[in-house]
N, C-alpha and C. Protein backbone atom coordinates (compact mmCIF):
# COMPACT_ATOMS: atom_id res chain seq x y z
N UNK A 1 6.71 20.92 3.14
CA UNK A 1 6.74 21.61 1.59
C UNK A 1 6.89 20.34 1.07
N UNK A 2 5.89 20.13 -0.64
CA UNK A 2 5.49 19.37 -1.61
C UNK A 2 6.31 18.17 -1.50
N UNK A 3 6.21 16.98 -1.82
CA UNK A 3 6.86 15.96 -2.55
C UNK A 3 7.86 16.86 -3.50
N UNK A 4 7.69 18.01 -4.64
CA UNK A 4 8.43 18.40 -5.44
C UNK A 4 9.36 18.94 -4.61
N UNK A 5 9.30 19.61 -4.01
CA UNK A 5 9.98 20.80 -3.44
C UNK A 5 11.03 19.71 -2.06
N UNK A 6 10.47 18.23 -1.16
CA UNK A 6 11.65 18.17 -0.71
C UNK A 6 12.58 17.26 -1.93
N UNK A 7 12.20 17.33 -3.15
CA UNK A 7 13.22 16.08 -3.99
C UNK A 7 13.78 17.76 -4.38
N UNK A 8 13.23 18.69 -4.34
CA UNK A 8 14.14 19.77 -5.19
C UNK A 8 15.56 20.13 -3.95
N UNK A 9 15.54 20.00 -2.72
CA UNK A 9 16.44 20.34 -1.77
C UNK A 9 16.53 19.17 -1.24
N UNK A 10 17.21 17.67 -1.92
CA UNK A 10 17.67 16.84 -1.86
C UNK A 10 18.20 16.35 -3.28
N UNK A 11 18.19 17.05 -4.00
CA UNK A 11 18.70 16.82 -5.00
C UNK A 11 19.70 15.46 -5.54
N UNK A 12 20.21 15.49 -4.51
CA UNK A 12 21.40 14.60 -4.73
C UNK A 12 20.83 12.90 -4.14
N UNK A 13 19.61 12.81 -3.72
CA UNK A 13 19.26 11.43 -3.24
C UNK A 13 17.75 11.02 -3.99
N UNK A 14 17.55 10.00 -4.11
CA UNK A 14 16.43 9.61 -4.90
C UNK A 14 15.21 9.32 -3.70
N UNK A 15 13.90 10.25 -4.15
CA UNK A 15 12.91 9.98 -3.12
C UNK A 15 11.80 9.72 -3.62
N UNK A 16 10.96 8.49 -3.12
CA UNK A 16 10.03 7.88 -3.77
C UNK A 16 8.69 8.26 -2.71
N UNK A 17 7.57 8.16 -3.78
CA UNK A 17 5.98 8.22 -2.77
C UNK A 17 5.78 6.44 -2.01
N UNK A 18 5.49 6.33 -1.45
CA UNK A 18 4.93 5.17 -0.94
C UNK A 18 4.26 4.67 -1.82
N UNK A 19 3.53 4.90 -2.71
CA UNK A 19 2.66 4.69 -3.66
C UNK A 19 3.12 4.39 -4.70
N UNK A 20 4.41 4.74 -4.91
CA UNK A 20 5.58 3.92 -5.92
C UNK A 20 5.58 2.50 -5.65
N UNK A 21 6.02 1.94 -6.56
CA UNK A 21 6.29 0.51 -6.81
C UNK A 21 7.28 0.12 -5.79
N UNK A 22 8.01 1.03 -6.18
CA UNK A 22 9.40 0.63 -5.34
C UNK A 22 9.13 0.49 -3.53
N UNK A 23 8.10 0.67 -3.42
CA UNK A 23 7.49 0.63 -1.90
C UNK A 23 6.95 -0.58 -1.77
N UNK A 24 6.48 -1.58 -2.28
CA UNK A 24 5.88 -2.61 -2.60
C UNK A 24 6.92 -3.72 -1.62
N UNK A 25 7.88 -3.74 -1.64
CA UNK A 25 8.82 -4.56 -0.94
C UNK A 25 9.30 -4.42 0.54
N UNK A 26 8.81 -2.85 1.13
CA UNK A 26 8.92 -2.39 2.07
C UNK A 26 7.47 -2.67 3.49
N UNK A 27 6.44 -2.40 2.52
CA UNK A 27 5.00 -2.61 3.44
C UNK A 27 3.77 -2.45 1.93
N UNK A 28 2.60 -1.78 2.58
CA UNK A 28 1.51 -1.89 2.08
C UNK A 28 1.21 -0.25 2.37
N UNK A 29 0.18 0.73 1.92
CA UNK A 29 -0.40 1.76 2.25
C UNK A 29 -2.10 1.25 1.75
N UNK A 30 -2.60 1.92 2.73
CA UNK A 30 -4.05 1.10 3.38
C UNK A 30 -5.07 3.29 2.79
N UNK A 31 -6.32 2.83 1.93
CA UNK A 31 -7.15 3.87 2.26
C UNK A 31 -8.05 3.93 3.13
N UNK A 32 -7.77 4.45 4.69
CA UNK A 32 -8.68 4.96 5.83
C UNK A 32 -9.26 5.96 5.93
N UNK A 33 -10.07 6.43 6.41
CA UNK A 33 -10.52 8.05 6.55
C UNK A 33 -10.19 8.07 8.16
N UNK A 34 -8.83 9.19 8.19
CA UNK A 34 -7.79 9.87 9.07
C UNK A 34 -7.86 10.88 9.78
N UNK A 35 -9.03 11.00 9.21
CA UNK A 35 -9.96 12.97 9.59
C UNK A 35 -9.94 12.75 11.37
N UNK A 36 -10.77 12.07 11.92
CA UNK A 36 -10.93 12.09 13.26
C UNK A 36 -9.46 11.79 13.70
N UNK A 37 -8.71 11.25 13.85
CA UNK A 37 -7.42 10.94 14.45
C UNK A 37 -6.33 12.51 14.07
N UNK A 38 -6.80 12.72 13.12
CA UNK A 38 -5.64 13.79 12.54
C UNK A 38 -5.87 14.88 13.43
N UNK A 39 -7.16 15.16 14.02
CA UNK A 39 -7.71 16.17 14.34
C UNK A 39 -7.53 16.15 16.05
N UNK A 40 -7.74 15.07 16.32
CA UNK A 40 -7.23 14.85 17.93
C UNK A 40 -6.06 14.66 18.08
N UNK A 41 -4.85 14.29 17.03
CA UNK A 41 -3.53 14.49 17.43
C UNK A 41 -2.95 15.83 17.26
N UNK A 42 -3.55 16.64 16.54
CA UNK A 42 -3.48 18.12 16.16
C UNK A 42 -3.58 19.12 17.68
N UNK A 43 -4.79 18.72 18.44
CA UNK A 43 -5.07 18.93 19.69
C UNK A 43 -4.32 18.87 20.72
N UNK A 44 -3.83 17.76 20.71
CA UNK A 44 -3.85 16.54 22.33
C UNK A 44 -2.59 16.34 22.37
N UNK A 45 -1.72 16.17 21.29
CA UNK A 45 -0.38 15.97 20.65
C UNK A 45 0.78 17.10 21.52
N UNK A 46 1.46 17.27 22.19
CA UNK A 46 2.02 18.20 22.22
C UNK A 46 3.79 17.74 21.62
N UNK A 47 4.03 19.04 20.60
CA UNK A 47 5.48 18.58 19.87
C UNK A 47 6.55 18.81 20.71
N UNK A 48 7.51 18.35 20.98
CA UNK A 48 8.98 18.98 22.03
C UNK A 48 9.52 19.69 21.22
N UNK A 49 10.13 20.92 22.10
CA UNK A 49 10.29 22.15 20.90
C UNK A 49 11.93 21.70 20.74
N UNK A 50 12.68 20.69 21.25
CA UNK A 50 13.16 20.35 20.28
C UNK A 50 13.79 18.75 20.59
N UNK A 51 14.43 17.85 19.48
CA UNK A 51 14.49 16.66 19.95
C UNK A 51 13.22 15.50 19.46
N UNK A 52 13.01 14.62 19.62
CA UNK A 52 11.69 13.70 19.81
C UNK A 52 10.63 13.34 20.32
N UNK A 53 9.82 13.00 20.69
CA UNK A 53 8.63 12.42 21.86
C UNK A 53 8.38 10.91 21.03
N UNK A 54 8.24 9.84 21.70
CA UNK A 54 7.49 8.59 21.42
C UNK A 54 6.91 8.13 22.66
N UNK A 55 5.52 7.90 22.56
CA UNK A 55 5.14 7.11 23.44
C UNK A 55 4.06 5.87 22.89
N UNK A 56 4.49 4.91 23.45
CA UNK A 56 3.94 3.48 23.17
C UNK A 56 2.72 3.32 22.99
N UNK A 57 1.96 4.27 24.27
CA UNK A 57 0.28 3.51 24.30
C UNK A 57 -0.10 5.08 25.12
N UNK A 58 -1.69 5.56 23.89
CA UNK A 58 -2.32 6.26 24.02
C UNK A 58 -3.36 5.99 24.39
N UNK A 59 -3.88 6.16 25.21
CA UNK A 59 -5.95 5.89 25.28
C UNK A 59 -6.35 6.37 24.62
N UNK A 60 -5.94 7.82 24.74
CA UNK A 60 -6.64 8.66 23.28
C UNK A 60 -7.19 8.06 22.11
N UNK A 61 -5.78 8.10 21.46
CA UNK A 61 -5.61 7.22 20.11
C UNK A 61 -6.17 6.06 19.73
N UNK A 62 -6.02 5.36 20.98
CA UNK A 62 -6.30 3.49 20.54
C UNK A 62 -8.19 3.88 20.78
N UNK A 63 -8.83 4.88 21.09
CA UNK A 63 -10.16 4.51 21.39
C UNK A 63 -10.90 5.06 20.63
N UNK A 64 -10.05 5.99 19.18
CA UNK A 64 -10.35 6.44 17.93
C UNK A 64 -11.04 5.35 17.10
N UNK A 65 -12.20 5.30 16.38
CA UNK A 65 -12.75 4.65 15.93
C UNK A 65 -11.64 3.66 14.56
N UNK A 66 -10.96 4.74 13.87
CA UNK A 66 -9.88 3.96 12.87
C UNK A 66 -9.03 3.51 13.25
N UNK A 67 -8.09 3.83 14.52
CA UNK A 67 -7.30 3.24 15.06
C UNK A 67 -7.62 1.34 15.38
N UNK A 68 -8.85 1.47 16.36
CA UNK A 68 -9.77 0.43 16.43
C UNK A 68 -9.57 -0.72 15.04
N UNK A 69 -10.41 0.37 14.28
CA UNK A 69 -10.41 -0.67 12.64
C UNK A 69 -9.60 -1.47 12.14
N UNK A 70 -8.25 -0.54 12.08
CA UNK A 70 -6.76 -0.96 12.02
C UNK A 70 -6.38 -1.87 12.19
N UNK A 71 -6.61 -2.00 14.07
CA UNK A 71 -5.93 -2.65 14.67
C UNK A 71 -6.78 -4.54 14.06
N UNK A 72 -8.11 -4.02 13.94
CA UNK A 72 -8.59 -5.47 13.78
C UNK A 72 -8.34 -6.17 12.75
N UNK A 73 -8.41 -5.22 11.27
CA UNK A 73 -8.23 -5.41 10.21
C UNK A 73 -6.30 -6.15 9.74
N UNK A 74 -5.85 -5.05 10.47
CA UNK A 74 -4.43 -5.25 10.14
C UNK A 74 -3.44 -6.52 11.08
N UNK A 75 -4.43 -6.44 12.04
CA UNK A 75 -3.39 -7.30 13.27
C UNK A 75 -4.24 -8.76 13.53
N UNK A 76 -5.48 -9.12 13.08
CA UNK A 76 -5.66 -10.41 13.12
C UNK A 76 -5.91 -11.13 14.20
N UNK A 77 -7.09 -9.97 15.33
CA UNK A 77 -7.20 -10.03 16.71
C UNK A 77 -6.45 -9.49 18.03
N UNK A 78 -4.70 -9.74 17.33
CA UNK A 78 -3.62 -9.52 18.47
C UNK A 78 -4.18 -8.12 19.14
N UNK A 79 -3.94 -8.20 20.41
CA UNK A 79 -4.00 -6.96 20.88
C UNK A 79 -2.95 -5.92 20.64
N UNK A 80 -3.37 -4.76 20.32
CA UNK A 80 -2.11 -3.87 19.54
C UNK A 80 -2.36 -2.57 20.93
N UNK A 81 -1.08 -1.81 20.58
CA UNK A 81 -1.28 -0.52 20.93
C UNK A 81 -1.19 0.69 19.88
N UNK A 82 -1.32 2.07 20.31
CA UNK A 82 -1.33 2.87 19.37
C UNK A 82 -0.81 4.33 20.20
N UNK A 83 0.47 5.04 19.67
CA UNK A 83 1.04 6.24 20.46
C UNK A 83 1.51 6.98 19.56
N UNK A 84 1.90 8.16 20.11
CA UNK A 84 2.38 9.23 19.13
C UNK A 84 4.24 8.88 19.26
N UNK A 85 4.64 9.36 17.92
CA UNK A 85 5.61 9.63 17.39
C UNK A 85 5.79 10.80 16.54
N UNK A 86 6.59 12.16 17.26
CA UNK A 86 7.20 13.37 17.15
C UNK A 86 8.25 14.38 17.32
N UNK A 87 8.20 15.56 16.44
CA UNK A 87 9.25 16.04 17.11
C UNK A 87 9.96 16.60 15.36
N UNK A 88 11.40 16.45 15.58
CA UNK A 88 12.22 17.63 14.70
C UNK A 88 13.61 16.49 13.81
N UNK A 89 13.13 14.93 13.68
CA UNK A 89 14.53 14.27 13.54
C UNK A 89 14.38 14.73 11.77
N UNK A 90 15.57 14.89 11.25
CA UNK A 90 15.94 14.85 10.21
C UNK A 90 17.41 13.78 8.98
N UNK A 91 17.48 13.12 10.64
CA UNK A 91 18.74 12.19 9.81
C UNK A 91 18.03 10.68 10.16
N UNK A 92 18.71 9.77 9.60
CA UNK A 92 18.85 8.14 9.70
C UNK A 92 19.56 7.91 10.58
N UNK A 93 20.00 8.31 12.39
CA UNK A 93 20.51 8.05 13.08
C UNK A 93 20.66 6.06 13.45
N UNK A 94 19.63 5.29 13.57
CA UNK A 94 19.57 3.97 13.73
C UNK A 94 18.63 3.17 12.60
N UNK A 95 18.62 1.97 12.70
CA UNK A 95 17.48 0.69 12.18
C UNK A 95 16.80 0.33 13.14
N UNK A 96 15.72 -0.52 13.03
CA UNK A 96 15.09 -1.10 14.15
C UNK A 96 14.30 -2.16 13.39
N UNK A 97 13.65 -3.08 14.01
CA UNK A 97 12.85 -4.08 13.42
C UNK A 97 12.14 -4.69 14.20
N UNK A 98 11.29 -5.19 14.12
CA UNK A 98 10.12 -5.86 15.42
C UNK A 98 9.50 -6.88 14.46
N UNK A 99 9.25 -7.90 15.48
CA UNK A 99 8.59 -9.39 14.87
C UNK A 99 6.98 -9.11 14.54
N UNK A 100 6.63 -8.74 13.58
CA UNK A 100 5.12 -8.46 13.26
C UNK A 100 4.96 -7.07 12.85
N UNK A 101 4.23 -6.87 12.06
CA UNK A 101 4.39 -5.18 11.04
C UNK A 101 4.35 -4.23 12.55
N UNK A 102 4.88 -2.65 11.70
CA UNK A 102 4.38 -1.74 12.67
C UNK A 102 3.22 -0.81 11.43
N UNK A 103 2.55 -0.27 11.74
CA UNK A 103 1.40 0.76 10.89
C UNK A 103 1.85 1.72 11.45
N UNK A 104 2.17 3.21 10.53
CA UNK A 104 2.15 4.05 10.62
C UNK A 104 1.51 4.89 10.29
N UNK A 105 0.67 6.20 10.80
CA UNK A 105 -0.02 7.20 10.59
C UNK A 105 0.43 8.50 10.56
N UNK A 106 0.26 9.23 9.24
CA UNK A 106 0.90 10.28 8.74
C UNK A 106 0.42 11.55 9.53
N UNK A 107 0.41 12.40 10.39
CA UNK A 107 -0.36 13.44 10.89
C UNK A 107 -0.25 14.31 10.05
N UNK A 108 1.51 14.72 9.71
CA UNK A 108 2.08 15.56 8.95
C UNK A 108 2.33 14.69 8.23
N UNK A 109 3.13 15.44 6.87
CA UNK A 109 3.84 15.13 5.57
C UNK A 109 5.24 14.76 6.58
N UNK A 110 5.83 13.26 6.00
CA UNK A 110 7.15 13.11 6.40
C UNK A 110 7.85 12.13 5.34
N UNK A 111 9.25 12.10 5.34
CA UNK A 111 9.84 10.75 4.98
C UNK A 111 10.31 10.30 5.64
N UNK A 112 10.16 8.82 5.24
CA UNK A 112 10.82 7.60 5.96
C UNK A 112 12.13 6.76 4.87
N UNK A 113 12.89 6.55 6.04
CA UNK A 113 13.58 5.69 5.28
C UNK A 113 13.90 4.20 5.64
N UNK A 114 13.91 3.96 4.84
CA UNK A 114 13.56 2.17 4.98
C UNK A 114 15.01 1.20 4.56
N UNK A 115 14.91 0.21 5.29
CA UNK A 115 16.03 -0.63 4.61
C UNK A 115 15.09 -1.82 4.84
N UNK A 116 15.98 -3.15 3.77
CA UNK A 116 15.89 -4.68 4.14
C UNK A 116 16.47 -5.35 4.82
N UNK A 117 15.68 -6.14 6.02
CA UNK A 117 16.17 -6.82 6.61
C UNK A 117 17.38 -8.07 6.01
N UNK A 118 16.80 -8.27 4.89
CA UNK A 118 17.58 -9.09 4.17
C UNK A 118 18.79 -9.33 3.51
N UNK A 119 19.27 -7.88 3.87
CA UNK A 119 20.42 -6.83 3.30
C UNK A 119 21.48 -7.07 4.98
N UNK A 120 21.15 -7.02 5.91
CA UNK A 120 21.55 -7.15 7.14
C UNK A 120 23.67 -8.02 6.88
N UNK A 121 24.40 -7.91 7.59
CA UNK A 121 25.42 -8.90 7.19
C UNK A 121 25.04 -8.47 8.57
N UNK A 122 24.64 -9.87 9.20
CA UNK A 122 25.42 -10.07 10.68
C UNK A 122 24.14 -8.87 11.37
N UNK A 123 25.03 -8.36 12.42
CA UNK A 123 24.15 -6.99 13.11
C UNK A 123 24.35 -5.81 12.51
N UNK A 124 24.91 -5.68 11.09
CA UNK A 124 25.56 -4.68 10.60
C UNK A 124 24.36 -4.24 8.95
N UNK A 125 24.51 -2.83 8.51
CA UNK A 125 24.10 -2.82 7.54
C UNK A 125 24.44 -1.32 6.96
N UNK A 126 25.01 -1.46 5.57
CA UNK A 126 25.66 -0.61 4.96
C UNK A 126 24.41 0.83 4.48
N UNK A 127 24.84 1.91 4.92
CA UNK A 127 23.29 2.67 4.75
C UNK A 127 23.23 3.37 3.25
N UNK A 128 24.27 3.01 2.84
CA UNK A 128 23.44 3.46 1.05
C UNK A 128 22.90 2.29 0.53
N UNK A 129 22.48 1.20 1.09
CA UNK A 129 21.38 0.60 0.71
C UNK A 129 20.30 1.17 1.47
N UNK A 130 19.86 2.19 1.67
CA UNK A 130 18.63 2.46 2.29
C UNK A 130 18.02 3.03 1.33
N UNK A 131 16.47 3.19 1.19
CA UNK A 131 15.79 4.00 0.63
C UNK A 131 15.03 5.05 1.09
N UNK A 132 14.36 6.27 0.30
CA UNK A 132 13.44 6.96 0.80
C UNK A 132 11.97 7.28 0.79
N UNK A 133 11.25 7.54 1.21
CA UNK A 133 9.94 7.47 0.85
C UNK A 133 9.16 8.30 1.50
N UNK A 134 8.39 9.10 0.65
CA UNK A 134 7.62 10.47 0.91
C UNK A 134 6.16 9.96 1.03
N UNK A 135 5.97 10.62 2.83
CA UNK A 135 4.64 10.10 3.19
C UNK A 135 3.47 10.81 3.20
N UNK A 136 2.61 11.23 2.52
CA UNK A 136 1.68 12.64 2.71
C UNK A 136 0.57 12.57 3.97
N UNK A 137 0.58 13.55 4.75
CA UNK A 137 -0.60 13.76 5.74
C UNK A 137 -1.71 12.82 5.32
N UNK A 138 -1.88 11.79 6.80
CA UNK A 138 -3.48 11.53 5.98
C UNK A 138 -3.55 9.98 5.74
N UNK A 139 -1.82 9.79 5.38
CA UNK A 139 -1.58 8.30 4.92
C UNK A 139 -1.62 7.35 5.78
N UNK A 140 -2.03 5.68 5.60
CA UNK A 140 -1.57 5.14 6.58
C UNK A 140 -0.65 3.40 5.60
N UNK A 141 0.11 3.16 6.56
CA UNK A 141 1.26 2.77 5.88
C UNK A 141 1.55 1.81 6.46
N UNK A 142 1.84 0.15 6.23
CA UNK A 142 1.99 -0.63 6.98
C UNK A 142 3.69 -1.27 6.59
N UNK A 143 4.58 -1.45 7.47
CA UNK A 143 5.97 -1.76 7.70
C UNK A 143 5.92 -2.95 7.72
N UNK A 144 6.43 -3.67 6.94
CA UNK A 144 6.36 -5.47 7.00
C UNK A 144 7.53 -5.24 8.14
N UNK A 145 7.13 -6.91 8.93
CA UNK A 145 8.15 -7.11 10.01
C UNK A 145 9.81 -7.27 9.09
N UNK A 146 9.86 -7.24 7.63
CA UNK A 146 11.39 -7.44 7.27
C UNK A 146 11.49 -5.76 6.77
N UNK A 147 11.19 -5.18 7.20
CA UNK A 147 11.28 -3.69 7.08
C UNK A 147 12.16 -3.06 7.88
N UNK A 148 13.36 -2.48 7.87
CA UNK A 148 14.32 -1.61 8.86
C UNK A 148 13.46 -0.82 8.96
N UNK A 149 13.73 -0.02 9.75
CA UNK A 149 13.08 1.91 9.66
C UNK A 149 13.42 2.55 11.43
N UNK A 150 13.35 3.61 11.04
CA UNK A 150 13.18 4.46 12.67
C UNK A 150 12.42 5.50 12.60
N UNK A 151 12.73 6.40 12.96
CA UNK A 151 11.90 7.62 13.60
C UNK A 151 12.07 8.33 11.88
N UNK A 152 10.76 8.78 11.61
CA UNK A 152 10.21 9.37 10.17
C UNK A 152 11.23 10.79 10.48
N UNK A 153 11.61 11.18 9.23
CA UNK A 153 11.94 13.06 9.19
C UNK A 153 11.44 13.83 9.02
N UNK A 154 11.23 15.12 9.03
CA UNK A 154 10.02 16.19 8.93
C UNK A 154 10.56 16.54 8.00
N UNK A 155 9.65 17.38 7.14
CA UNK A 155 10.02 18.08 5.68
C UNK A 155 9.62 19.42 6.03
N UNK A 156 8.92 19.48 7.00
CA UNK A 156 8.36 21.23 7.29
C UNK A 156 8.90 21.55 9.20
N UNK A 157 8.27 22.10 10.15
CA UNK A 157 8.42 22.44 11.22
C UNK A 157 8.66 21.52 12.19
N UNK A 158 7.87 20.41 11.70
CA UNK A 158 8.16 18.80 13.00
C UNK A 158 7.32 17.94 12.08
N UNK A 159 7.42 16.87 12.44
CA UNK A 159 6.90 16.16 12.21
C UNK A 159 5.57 15.13 12.92
N UNK A 160 4.73 14.84 12.50
CA UNK A 160 3.79 13.88 13.49
C UNK A 160 3.37 12.57 13.09
N UNK A 161 3.31 11.27 13.61
CA UNK A 161 2.75 9.92 13.09
C UNK A 161 2.53 9.60 14.29
N UNK A 162 1.59 8.65 14.20
CA UNK A 162 0.66 7.52 15.44
C UNK A 162 1.20 6.04 14.87
N UNK A 163 1.92 5.50 16.15
CA UNK A 163 2.96 4.41 15.33
C UNK A 163 1.05 3.20 16.15
N UNK A 164 1.33 2.47 15.06
CA UNK A 164 0.57 0.64 16.16
C UNK A 164 1.21 0.01 15.69
N UNK A 165 1.37 -0.94 17.20
CA UNK A 165 2.65 -2.08 17.55
C UNK A 165 1.61 -2.76 17.73
N UNK A 166 2.05 -4.72 18.04
CA UNK A 166 1.82 -5.59 18.90
C UNK A 166 1.95 -4.60 20.64
N UNK A 167 1.12 -5.71 21.24
CA UNK A 167 0.58 -4.21 22.78
C UNK A 167 2.40 -5.42 23.26
N UNK A 168 2.98 -4.07 24.06
CA UNK A 168 4.33 -4.71 24.38
C UNK A 168 5.88 -4.33 23.72
N UNK A 169 5.61 -4.29 22.79
CA UNK A 169 6.89 -3.44 21.86
C UNK A 169 7.13 -2.59 22.23
N UNK A 170 8.96 -2.33 22.79
CA UNK A 170 9.57 -1.15 22.74
C UNK A 170 9.19 -0.87 25.09
N UNK A 171 8.75 -2.06 25.73
CA UNK A 171 8.84 -2.21 26.86
C UNK A 171 9.88 -2.17 27.34
N UNK A 172 10.36 -2.12 28.68
CA UNK A 172 11.92 -2.49 28.79
C UNK A 172 12.11 -4.15 29.09
N UNK A 173 13.15 -4.69 28.88
CA UNK A 173 13.78 -5.76 28.98
C UNK A 173 14.16 -5.77 30.42
N UNK A 174 14.42 -7.02 31.45
CA UNK A 174 15.32 -7.38 32.29
C UNK A 174 16.32 -7.21 31.86
N UNK A 175 17.08 -7.57 30.76
CA UNK A 175 18.41 -7.35 30.42
C UNK A 175 18.28 -7.23 28.72
N UNK A 176 19.09 -7.11 27.97
CA UNK A 176 19.07 -7.11 26.45
C UNK A 176 19.37 -8.06 25.89
N UNK A 177 19.18 -8.57 24.90
CA UNK A 177 19.22 -10.12 24.26
C UNK A 177 20.05 -9.75 23.10
N UNK A 178 21.32 -9.75 22.60
CA UNK A 178 22.36 -9.34 21.64
C UNK A 178 21.64 -7.84 21.15
N UNK A 179 20.81 -7.53 19.65
CA UNK A 179 20.63 -6.09 19.49
C UNK A 179 19.17 -6.17 19.82
N UNK A 180 18.44 -7.04 20.43
CA UNK A 180 17.20 -6.57 20.89
C UNK A 180 17.46 -5.91 22.09
N UNK A 181 17.03 -4.08 22.07
CA UNK A 181 17.24 -3.67 23.52
C UNK A 181 15.98 -3.53 24.15
N UNK A 182 15.18 -3.50 24.08
CA UNK A 182 13.62 -3.62 24.13
C UNK A 182 12.22 -4.38 23.95
N UNK A 183 11.75 -4.63 24.34
CA UNK A 183 10.70 -5.57 23.84
C UNK A 183 10.40 -5.64 22.51
N UNK A 184 10.74 -6.39 21.34
CA UNK A 184 10.66 -6.63 20.41
C UNK A 184 11.32 -5.22 19.64
N UNK A 185 12.29 -5.16 20.01
CA UNK A 185 12.76 -3.44 19.29
C UNK A 185 14.26 -4.47 19.16
N UNK A 186 14.33 -4.49 17.79
CA UNK A 186 15.86 -5.09 17.59
C UNK A 186 16.04 -3.67 16.53
N UNK A 187 17.92 -3.44 17.68
CA UNK A 187 18.15 -2.04 17.15
C UNK A 187 19.70 -1.74 16.71
N UNK A 188 20.19 -1.24 15.62
CA UNK A 188 21.36 -0.63 15.62
C UNK A 188 21.16 0.66 15.61
N UNK A 189 22.50 1.01 16.04
CA UNK A 189 22.45 2.96 15.58
C UNK A 189 23.60 2.79 15.04
N UNK A 190 23.76 4.32 14.32
CA UNK A 190 24.43 4.63 13.23
C UNK A 190 25.46 4.77 14.07
N UNK A 191 26.65 4.03 13.37
CA UNK A 191 28.41 4.55 13.95
C UNK A 191 28.55 6.37 14.33
N UNK A 192 28.24 7.29 13.77
CA UNK A 192 28.52 8.41 14.50
C UNK A 192 27.69 8.86 15.67
N UNK A 193 26.73 8.12 16.31
CA UNK A 193 25.58 7.75 17.18
C UNK A 193 26.29 8.19 18.73
N UNK A 194 27.32 8.31 19.29
CA UNK A 194 28.21 8.12 20.52
C UNK A 194 27.66 8.11 21.52
N UNK A 195 26.06 8.38 22.07
CA UNK A 195 25.16 8.66 22.94
C UNK A 195 24.61 7.44 22.84
N UNK A 196 24.34 6.98 21.66
CA UNK A 196 23.31 5.87 21.93
C UNK A 196 24.18 4.68 21.91
N UNK A 197 25.33 4.83 21.28
CA UNK A 197 26.13 3.71 21.51
C UNK A 197 26.96 3.65 22.86
N UNK A 198 27.19 4.79 23.92
CA UNK A 198 27.68 4.26 24.77
C UNK A 198 26.20 4.08 25.93
N UNK A 199 25.25 3.75 26.04
CA UNK A 199 24.66 3.48 26.31
C UNK A 199 24.17 1.87 26.30
N UNK A 200 24.54 1.24 25.31
CA UNK A 200 24.53 -0.08 25.05
C UNK A 200 24.48 -0.43 23.40
N UNK A 201 24.09 0.67 22.75
CA UNK A 201 23.38 0.09 21.15
C UNK A 201 24.35 -0.15 20.44
N UNK A 202 24.04 -1.44 19.96
CA UNK A 202 25.40 -1.43 18.67
C UNK A 202 25.21 -0.89 18.00
N UNK A 203 26.70 -0.56 17.28
CA UNK A 203 27.28 0.55 15.99
C UNK A 203 27.15 0.09 14.89
N UNK A 204 26.15 -0.31 14.40
CA UNK A 204 26.00 -1.56 13.23
C UNK A 204 25.47 -0.63 11.86
N UNK A 205 25.09 0.19 11.84
CA UNK A 205 24.49 1.11 11.10
C UNK A 205 25.98 2.10 10.30
N UNK A 206 26.12 1.75 9.44
CA UNK A 206 27.48 2.09 8.69
C UNK A 206 27.21 2.98 7.62
N UNK A 207 28.53 3.55 7.13
CA UNK A 207 28.61 4.69 5.94
C UNK A 207 27.82 6.06 6.31
N UNK A 208 27.76 7.13 5.40
CA UNK A 208 27.57 8.32 6.03
C UNK A 208 26.07 8.71 6.29
N UNK A 209 25.95 9.29 7.71
CA UNK A 209 24.88 9.89 7.80
C UNK A 209 23.96 10.46 6.68
N UNK A 210 22.40 9.73 6.70
CA UNK A 210 21.50 10.05 5.45
C UNK A 210 21.00 11.60 6.26
N UNK A 211 21.04 12.61 5.88
CA UNK A 211 20.02 13.77 6.24
C UNK A 211 19.05 14.21 5.15
N UNK A 212 18.14 14.58 6.00
CA UNK A 212 17.32 15.18 5.17
C UNK A 212 16.70 16.67 5.42
N UNK A 213 17.15 17.46 3.84
CA UNK A 213 17.27 19.36 4.01
C UNK A 213 15.92 19.28 3.95
């Protein structure tokens, strides 16, 4: 769906574009040629029939020239991993943040639901403070380390993105450290997500579940 169609289908929500001024406190949009990456991902990344799929590191994606260029330009020589995030998500079921930026490359149009870490109270966040942003296919978006985010929401049959993070992010920890559930992954679950909470995630995202039609 186009931006206008998504806005019409979610008339009770304020939805911005990532190119709007409202996004500037959450991150930055970059102009890179992502055609080769989109072609590779479309041919090689399988979309699950149900649910979502994330892989921290994919050697094929990491070998693509634009991924290497973005890694050099935006991560200052640090070792970076790149992997796919794809599926059928339509809701904000949790919020996470990392030490360091995350770069999201949109293989399809999608919606990002974002918050500011400064608005957390302890390990809780009131969901009504979150803001919604439409991302167009091909756009490269940096999310600052102070930006709360989670799985993108689809606007068509599925969503697909490529995610760049510092190497080691999301690897297993020997034991959780507060809300740090995996290496460099600080996560709170929405209070409705009983399965996430049952396995130890903190129910810190409060308020109504935000759902994208």
